[in-house]
Amino acid sequence: MKAVFVKGQNSVLVDEVPSPKLSDGDLIVKMRTCGLCGSDLEKVYGQYGMGSARLGHEIAGEIMQIGKGINGFAPGDRVFIHHHVPCYSCHYCLHGDYTMCNRYQSSNIDPCGLSEQILVPEWNISRGGLIKLPDNISYDEASLIEPVACCLKALAKCNFHKGDDVAILGAGPAGMMHMLLAKVFGAGRIFIIDINQFRLDFAKKHHEIKSYNSLIDKDFIKKIQEFTNARGTDITIVATGNTSALLQSFELTRRAGRILLFGVPPKGSSISYDLNNLYSNEQTLIPSYGASEIETNQALKLIAEKRIDITSLITHHFKIDDTPQAIKCAHNANDAMKVVVMNE
């Protein structure tokens, strides 16, 4: 079968690998759709700092085979797969910090999400990492469950209030998902900042927001402060790994406001900032990584109820054989928002 792997800096390869071998308690899924995430691009083009270098984790597919002892699933079932699953019993899990669980960090699927067939281990299945899809959710929609779940977890950490003014630094897929969710939750004014004019135009075309190209609008921070009566935004979401955006977030955000670090900074990133400002302004810096079964089911419900038009973000589909081109398309982002790989 075909699977996709990182093969050195800036390079991926579609390779032939043995089909997964089924064991008791496991099952095998035929991948039907897999979205490309910013973390996938960081693994190829940057310095990804998390543990796994496997490509593809926004997966939906169809069960092909089930091992002995599997209950509740059958061949032909349409499913969403979560690649990381916590233990729900360790110190981190008992404090609700599921994404910090050692087993969350080490659990995975085999060989990766960007493969024709995927082995889902018993560990994942028994702990909510496999969910049947309702008939009214397409494979495209299902491939976006995981990133929406990550955004839901992040916004929950921000203590979001109806009417909050929100700035989003980064108009890529993650930034757009945060925008969609902020609107659902009743945000006040929403501001989006990026240097990619296609993505800014995409955001304005589909939604009533204020957007700024930071390469052109050098005084965008001042303009946003004027819109918010000189306060600044209640929540600023850094949906990019660019450290300059993080520094800008401190200026954009009001006193006692919340700054969400959602984009993945490259390994070794650092900033220089006067911490006295952070202290005296009582701003809160909130990193958020991954999602658990809780947010995954919330995302599934939100999408199933059609409360967000999530597939409007998908601009490109590629076959698995063309994954190298898909990754280049997503990375260059000249005319791309969300890129999805298919296996028909």
Protein backbone atom coordinates (compact mmCIF):
# COMPACT_ATOMS: atom_id res chain seq x y z
CA MET A 1 0.00 0.00 0.00
CA LYS A 2 1.02 3.66 -0.34
CA ALA A 3 2.03 5.89 2.58
CA VAL A 4 3.67 9.31 2.81
CA PHE A 5 6.84 10.07 4.80
CA VAL A 6 9.18 12.98 5.44
CA LYS A 7 12.37 12.38 3.45
CA GLY A 8 14.71 15.12 4.55
CA GLN A 9 14.26 18.88 4.76
CA ASN A 10 11.54 20.20 2.40
CA SER A 11 10.86 16.78 0.92
CA VAL A 12 8.22 14.04 1.20
CA LEU A 13 7.93 10.70 -0.56
CA VAL A 14 4.97 8.50 -1.40
CA ASP A 15 6.34 5.04 -0.67
CA GLU A 16 5.14 1.44 -0.95
CA VAL A 17 4.99 -0.20 2.47
CA PRO A 18 3.50 -3.47 3.77
CA SER A 19 -0.17 -3.37 4.65
CA PRO A 20 -0.75 -3.32 8.43
CA LYS A 21 -1.15 -6.65 10.23
CA LEU A 22 -4.26 -7.05 12.33
CA SER A 23 -4.01 -8.17 15.98
CA ASP A 24 -6.71 -8.90 18.54
CA GLY A 25 -8.41 -5.72 19.67
CA ASP A 26 -7.19 -3.67 16.68
CA LEU A 27 -8.87 -2.71 13.45
CA ILE A 28 -7.86 -1.43 10.02
CA VAL A 29 -9.40 1.60 8.36
CA LYS A 30 -9.24 2.64 4.73
CA MET A 31 -8.34 6.32 4.72
CA ARG A 32 -10.84 8.31 2.68
CA THR A 33 -9.83 11.87 3.57
CA CYS A 34 -6.97 13.41 5.51
CA GLY A 35 -6.56 17.15 5.97
CA LEU A 36 -3.13 18.75 5.94
CA CYS A 37 -2.31 20.58 9.17
CA GLY A 38 0.17 23.36 9.83
CA SER A 39 2.08 20.91 12.02
CA ASP A 40 2.49 18.62 8.99
CA LEU A 41 4.03 21.53 7.09
CA GLU A 42 6.30 22.31 10.04
CA LYS A 43 7.53 18.69 10.02
CA VAL A 44 8.46 19.05 6.35
CA TYR A 45 9.67 22.62 6.09
CA GLY A 46 10.51 23.71 9.63
CA GLN A 47 11.73 22.54 13.00
CA TYR A 48 8.80 20.73 14.61
CA GLY A 49 9.33 20.49 18.34
CA MET A 50 6.80 17.81 19.34
CA GLY A 51 7.53 14.10 19.54
CA SER A 52 5.94 12.56 16.45
CA ALA A 53 7.22 13.11 12.90
CA ARG A 54 4.38 11.12 11.29
CA LEU A 55 2.38 12.91 8.63
CA GLY A 56 -1.39 13.21 8.70
CA HIS A 57 -3.75 13.19 11.68
CA GLU A 58 -6.98 14.78 10.41
CA ILE A 59 -8.47 11.49 9.27
CA ALA A 60 -11.77 9.98 8.25
CA GLY A 61 -12.29 6.60 6.64
CA GLU A 62 -14.09 3.29 6.37
CA ILE A 63 -13.43 0.22 8.51
CA MET A 64 -11.98 -2.63 6.43
CA GLN A 65 -11.17 -5.33 9.02
CA ILE A 66 -11.71 -5.83 12.75
CA GLY A 67 -9.74 -8.00 15.15
CA LYS A 68 -11.08 -10.37 17.75
CA GLY A 69 -12.75 -8.78 20.73
CA ILE A 70 -13.93 -5.66 18.88
CA ASN A 71 -17.44 -4.62 19.87
CA GLY A 72 -19.50 -1.74 18.53
CA PHE A 73 -17.73 -1.49 15.18
CA ALA A 74 -18.04 -3.46 11.95
CA PRO A 75 -16.53 -3.46 8.45
CA GLY A 76 -18.12 -0.71 6.36
CA ASP A 77 -18.59 1.70 9.28
CA ARG A 78 -17.63 5.28 8.47
CA VAL A 79 -15.38 6.62 11.24
CA PHE A 80 -13.26 9.48 12.51
CA ILE A 81 -9.86 8.53 13.93
CA HIS A 82 -8.05 10.42 16.68
CA HIS A 83 -4.34 9.65 16.56
CA HIS A 84 -3.54 10.56 20.20
CA VAL A 85 -5.55 9.16 23.13
CA PRO A 86 -4.83 9.72 26.86
CA CYS A 87 -5.04 7.13 29.62
CA TYR A 88 -7.65 9.05 31.67
CA SER A 89 -6.14 7.78 34.92
CA CYS A 90 -2.71 9.43 35.41
CA HIS A 91 -1.96 12.61 37.41
CA TYR A 92 -2.34 14.80 34.32
CA CYS A 93 -5.61 13.21 33.23
CA LEU A 94 -7.09 13.43 36.74
CA HIS A 95 -6.42 17.18 36.55
CA GLY A 96 -8.10 17.42 33.13
CA ASP A 97 -4.77 17.98 31.36
CA TYR A 98 -5.33 15.14 28.90
CA THR A 99 -2.95 16.37 26.21
CA MET A 100 -0.10 16.31 28.73
CA CYS A 101 -0.64 12.61 29.49
CA ASN A 102 2.46 10.56 28.65
CA ARG A 103 0.30 8.05 26.78
CA TYR A 104 -1.37 10.83 24.82
CA GLN A 105 2.05 11.99 23.70
CA SER A 106 3.19 8.46 22.75
CA SER A 107 -0.02 6.87 21.38
CA ASN A 108 -0.53 6.92 17.63
CA ILE A 109 -1.84 5.12 14.56
CA ASP A 110 0.25 3.08 12.13
CA PRO A 111 1.93 3.96 9.83
CA CYS A 112 0.40 7.47 9.65
CA GLY A 113 -2.74 9.30 8.58
CA LEU A 114 -1.45 9.87 5.06
CA SER A 115 -1.61 6.21 4.09
CA GLU A 116 -4.09 4.07 2.19
CA GLN A 117 -4.73 1.82 5.19
CA ILE A 118 -4.40 2.70 8.86
CA LEU A 119 -4.03 0.40 11.83
CA VAL A 120 -5.97 1.74 14.81
CA PRO A 121 -4.68 0.02 17.98
CA GLU A 122 -6.81 -1.33 20.80
CA TRP A 123 -5.53 1.47 23.08
CA ASN A 124 -7.11 4.14 20.86
CA ILE A 125 -10.33 2.23 20.24
CA SER A 126 -11.02 1.47 23.91
CA ARG A 127 -10.44 5.09 24.96
CA GLY A 128 -12.68 6.93 22.53
CA GLY A 129 -10.19 7.45 19.72
CA LEU A 130 -12.54 6.01 17.09
CA ILE A 131 -15.99 7.52 16.52
CA LYS A 132 -18.73 6.45 14.12
CA LEU A 133 -19.85 9.18 11.77
CA PRO A 134 -23.52 10.07 11.43
CA ASP A 135 -24.91 9.82 7.91
CA ASN A 136 -25.18 13.59 7.54
CA ILE A 137 -21.42 14.16 7.93
CA SER A 138 -19.35 13.84 4.76
CA TYR A 139 -15.78 12.58 4.71
CA ASP A 140 -14.65 16.15 3.96
CA GLU A 141 -16.43 17.41 7.07
CA ALA A 142 -15.09 14.52 9.13
CA SER A 143 -11.51 15.35 8.14
CA LEU A 144 -11.97 18.72 9.87
CA ILE A 145 -13.23 17.34 13.19
CA GLU A 146 -9.75 17.17 14.74
CA PRO A 147 -8.64 20.75 13.97
CA VAL A 148 -12.04 22.13 15.03
CA ALA A 149 -11.69 20.17 18.28
CA CYS A 150 -8.27 21.72 18.89
CA CYS A 151 -9.75 25.19 18.39
CA LEU A 152 -12.65 24.42 20.74
CA LYS A 153 -10.24 23.34 23.48
CA ALA A 154 -8.16 26.47 22.96
CA LEU A 155 -11.11 28.85 23.11
CA ALA A 156 -12.43 27.12 26.25
CA LYS A 157 -9.10 27.90 27.94
CA CYS A 158 -9.56 31.59 27.07
CA ASN A 159 -12.70 32.07 29.18
CA PHE A 160 -14.55 33.40 26.14
CA HIS A 161 -17.44 35.83 26.85
CA LYS A 162 -20.22 36.78 24.47
CA GLY A 163 -19.40 40.15 22.91
CA ASP A 164 -15.63 39.79 23.32
CA ASP A 165 -13.56 41.58 20.69
CA VAL A 166 -11.18 39.11 19.05
CA ALA A 167 -8.04 39.57 16.97
CA ILE A 168 -6.63 36.63 15.02
CA LEU A 169 -3.03 36.77 13.84
CA GLY A 170 -2.82 34.31 10.94
CA ALA A 171 -5.59 33.84 8.35
CA GLY A 172 -4.78 30.23 7.53
CA PRO A 173 -7.14 27.30 8.18
CA ALA A 174 -6.64 27.43 11.96
CA GLY A 175 -7.25 31.17 12.06
CA MET A 176 -10.39 30.76 9.95
CA MET A 177 -11.70 27.99 12.21
CA HIS A 178 -11.20 30.22 15.23
CA MET A 179 -13.07 32.96 13.39
CA LEU A 180 -16.00 30.65 12.60
CA LEU A 181 -16.18 29.47 16.20
CA ALA A 182 -15.85 32.99 17.60
CA LYS A 183 -18.87 34.00 15.52
CA VAL A 184 -20.85 30.99 16.76
CA PHE A 185 -19.99 31.90 20.35
CA GLY A 186 -21.18 35.49 19.87
CA ALA A 187 -17.95 37.46 19.52
CA GLY A 188 -18.17 41.21 19.11
CA ARG A 189 -15.75 42.62 16.55
CA ILE A 190 -13.36 40.22 14.82
CA PHE A 191 -10.07 41.38 13.31
CA ILE A 192 -7.83 39.17 11.16
CA ILE A 193 -4.21 39.98 10.36
CA ASP A 194 -1.93 38.24 7.87
CA ILE A 195 0.56 38.93 5.08
CA ASN A 196 -1.18 36.61 2.59
CA GLN A 197 -3.64 38.75 0.63
CA PHE A 198 -5.41 35.74 -0.90
CA ARG A 199 -6.29 34.43 2.55
CA LEU A 200 -7.37 37.85 3.79
CA ASP A 201 -9.61 38.26 0.74
CA PHE A 202 -10.95 34.75 1.31
CA ALA A 203 -11.89 35.67 4.87
CA LYS A 204 -13.58 38.92 3.81
CA LYS A 205 -15.45 37.20 0.97
CA HIS A 206 -17.08 34.69 3.26
CA HIS A 207 -17.55 36.72 6.44
CA GLU A 208 -18.06 40.22 7.77
CA ILE A 209 -14.78 40.90 9.51
CA LYS A 210 -12.10 43.56 9.45
CA SER A 211 -8.82 42.39 7.91
CA TYR A 212 -5.36 43.88 7.71
CA ASN A 213 -2.32 43.02 5.64
CA SER A 214 0.46 43.74 8.11
CA LEU A 215 2.95 44.30 5.28
CA ILE A 216 0.80 47.18 4.00
CA ASP A 217 -1.15 48.36 7.06
CA LYS A 218 1.81 49.19 9.28
CA ASP A 219 -0.45 50.91 11.81
CA PHE A 220 -3.01 48.09 12.06
CA ILE A 221 -2.51 47.86 15.83
CA LYS A 222 -3.45 51.52 16.22
CA LYS A 223 -6.51 51.07 13.98
CA ILE A 224 -7.73 48.08 15.98
CA GLN A 225 -7.24 49.97 19.24
CA GLU A 226 -9.36 52.81 17.83
CA PHE A 227 -12.14 50.36 16.98
CA THR A 228 -12.07 49.05 20.55
CA ASN A 229 -12.19 52.49 22.24
CA ALA A 230 -8.43 52.43 22.86
CA ARG A 231 -8.71 49.30 25.01
CA GLY A 232 -7.45 46.64 22.63
CA THR A 233 -8.98 43.23 22.08
CA ASP A 234 -10.31 41.00 24.83
CA ILE A 235 -8.76 37.91 23.21
CA THR A 236 -5.93 37.74 20.70
CA ILE A 237 -5.34 34.42 18.96
CA VAL A 238 -1.86 33.76 17.56
CA ALA A 239 -2.71 31.22 14.86
CA THR A 240 0.78 31.20 13.40
CA GLY A 241 4.18 30.05 14.61
CA ASN A 242 5.71 33.42 13.71
CA THR A 243 7.24 34.91 16.86
CA SER A 244 6.73 38.47 15.56
CA ALA A 245 3.00 37.82 15.71
CA LEU A 246 3.30 36.82 19.36
CA LEU A 247 5.05 40.09 20.16
CA GLN A 248 2.34 42.02 18.30
CA SER A 249 -0.31 40.24 20.36
CA PHE A 250 0.89 41.93 23.55
CA GLU A 251 0.24 45.33 21.95
CA LEU A 252 -3.11 44.31 20.49
CA THR A 253 -4.58 42.93 23.70
CA ARG A 254 -6.24 45.02 26.40
CA ARG A 255 -5.15 45.11 30.01
CA ALA A 256 -6.15 41.83 31.71
CA GLY A 257 -6.88 40.36 28.28
CA ARG A 258 -6.04 36.84 27.10
CA ILE A 259 -3.46 35.87 24.47
CA LEU A 260 -3.83 32.42 22.95
CA LEU A 261 -0.67 30.81 21.57
CA PHE A 262 -2.17 28.32 19.13
CA GLY A 263 0.28 28.26 16.21
CA VAL A 264 3.27 25.94 16.62
CA PRO A 265 6.52 27.92 17.09
CA PRO A 266 9.53 26.21 15.50
CA LYS A 267 11.81 24.39 17.91
CA GLY A 268 14.36 26.78 19.36
CA SER A 269 12.13 29.86 18.97
CA SER A 270 12.59 32.68 21.45
CA ILE A 271 11.39 36.23 21.99
CA SER A 272 12.66 39.23 23.89
CA TYR A 273 9.93 41.05 25.80
CA ASP A 274 9.76 43.24 28.87
CA LEU A 275 8.00 41.00 31.39
CA ASN A 276 7.16 44.03 33.50
CA ASN A 277 4.59 44.91 30.83
CA LEU A 278 3.05 41.45 31.07
CA TYR A 279 2.92 41.77 34.84
CA SER A 280 1.61 45.31 35.07
CA ASN A 281 -1.02 44.76 32.35
CA GLU A 282 -2.11 41.44 33.90
CA GLN A 283 -2.31 39.84 30.48
CA THR A 284 -2.60 36.06 30.36
CA LEU A 285 -0.57 34.03 27.85
CA ILE A 286 -2.29 30.71 27.15
CA PRO A 287 -0.67 27.98 25.03
CA SER A 288 -2.95 25.24 23.72
CA TYR A 289 -1.91 21.98 22.10
CA GLY A 290 -4.08 19.18 20.75
CA ALA A 291 -7.54 18.04 21.86
CA SER A 292 -9.11 15.17 23.75
CA GLU A 293 -12.17 12.99 23.25
CA ILE A 294 -14.22 15.70 24.96
CA GLU A 295 -13.55 18.38 22.33
CA THR A 296 -13.63 15.81 19.52
CA ASN A 297 -17.22 14.93 20.35
CA GLN A 298 -18.09 18.60 20.73
CA ALA A 299 -16.68 19.27 17.25
CA LEU A 300 -18.57 16.32 15.80
CA LYS A 301 -21.84 17.63 17.27
CA LEU A 302 -21.19 21.17 16.05
CA ILE A 303 -20.50 20.00 12.50
CA ALA A 304 -23.37 17.50 12.45
CA GLU A 305 -25.78 20.24 13.50
CA LYS A 306 -24.44 22.42 10.63
CA ARG A 307 -23.76 25.27 13.02
CA ILE A 308 -20.59 26.08 11.09
CA ASP A 309 -19.99 25.83 7.34
CA ILE A 310 -16.64 24.15 7.79
CA THR A 311 -16.25 22.72 4.27
CA SER A 312 -16.23 26.26 2.86
CA LEU A 313 -12.59 26.34 3.99
CA ILE A 314 -11.55 23.49 1.67
CA THR A 315 -10.05 24.86 -1.55
CA HIS A 316 -8.07 21.87 -2.86
CA HIS A 317 -8.31 18.08 -3.06
CA PHE A 318 -5.37 15.85 -4.03
CA LYS A 319 -5.06 12.11 -4.48
CA ILE A 320 -2.64 10.33 -2.18
CA ASP A 321 -0.21 9.81 -5.08
CA ASP A 322 -0.04 13.59 -5.41
CA THR A 323 0.61 14.32 -1.74
CA PRO A 324 3.98 16.02 -2.43
CA GLN A 325 2.15 18.55 -4.62
CA ALA A 326 -0.58 18.86 -1.98
CA ILE A 327 1.98 19.73 0.69
CA LYS A 328 3.64 22.29 -1.58
CA CYS A 329 0.24 23.80 -2.35
CA ALA A 330 -0.61 24.13 1.35
CA HIS A 331 2.83 25.51 2.18
CA ASN A 332 2.95 28.12 -0.59
CA ALA A 333 -0.70 29.07 0.04
CA ASN A 334 -0.84 31.20 -3.09
CA ASP A 335 -4.47 30.25 -3.68
CA ALA A 336 -5.07 27.68 -0.95
CA MET A 337 -6.89 27.60 2.35
CA LYS A 338 -7.54 24.03 3.52
CA VAL A 339 -5.97 21.21 1.50
CA VAL A 340 -7.35 17.66 1.78
CA VAL A 341 -5.77 14.40 0.56
CA MET A 342 -8.16 11.71 -0.68
CA ASN A 343 -7.97 7.94 -1.08
CA GLU A 344 -10.89 6.72 -3.18
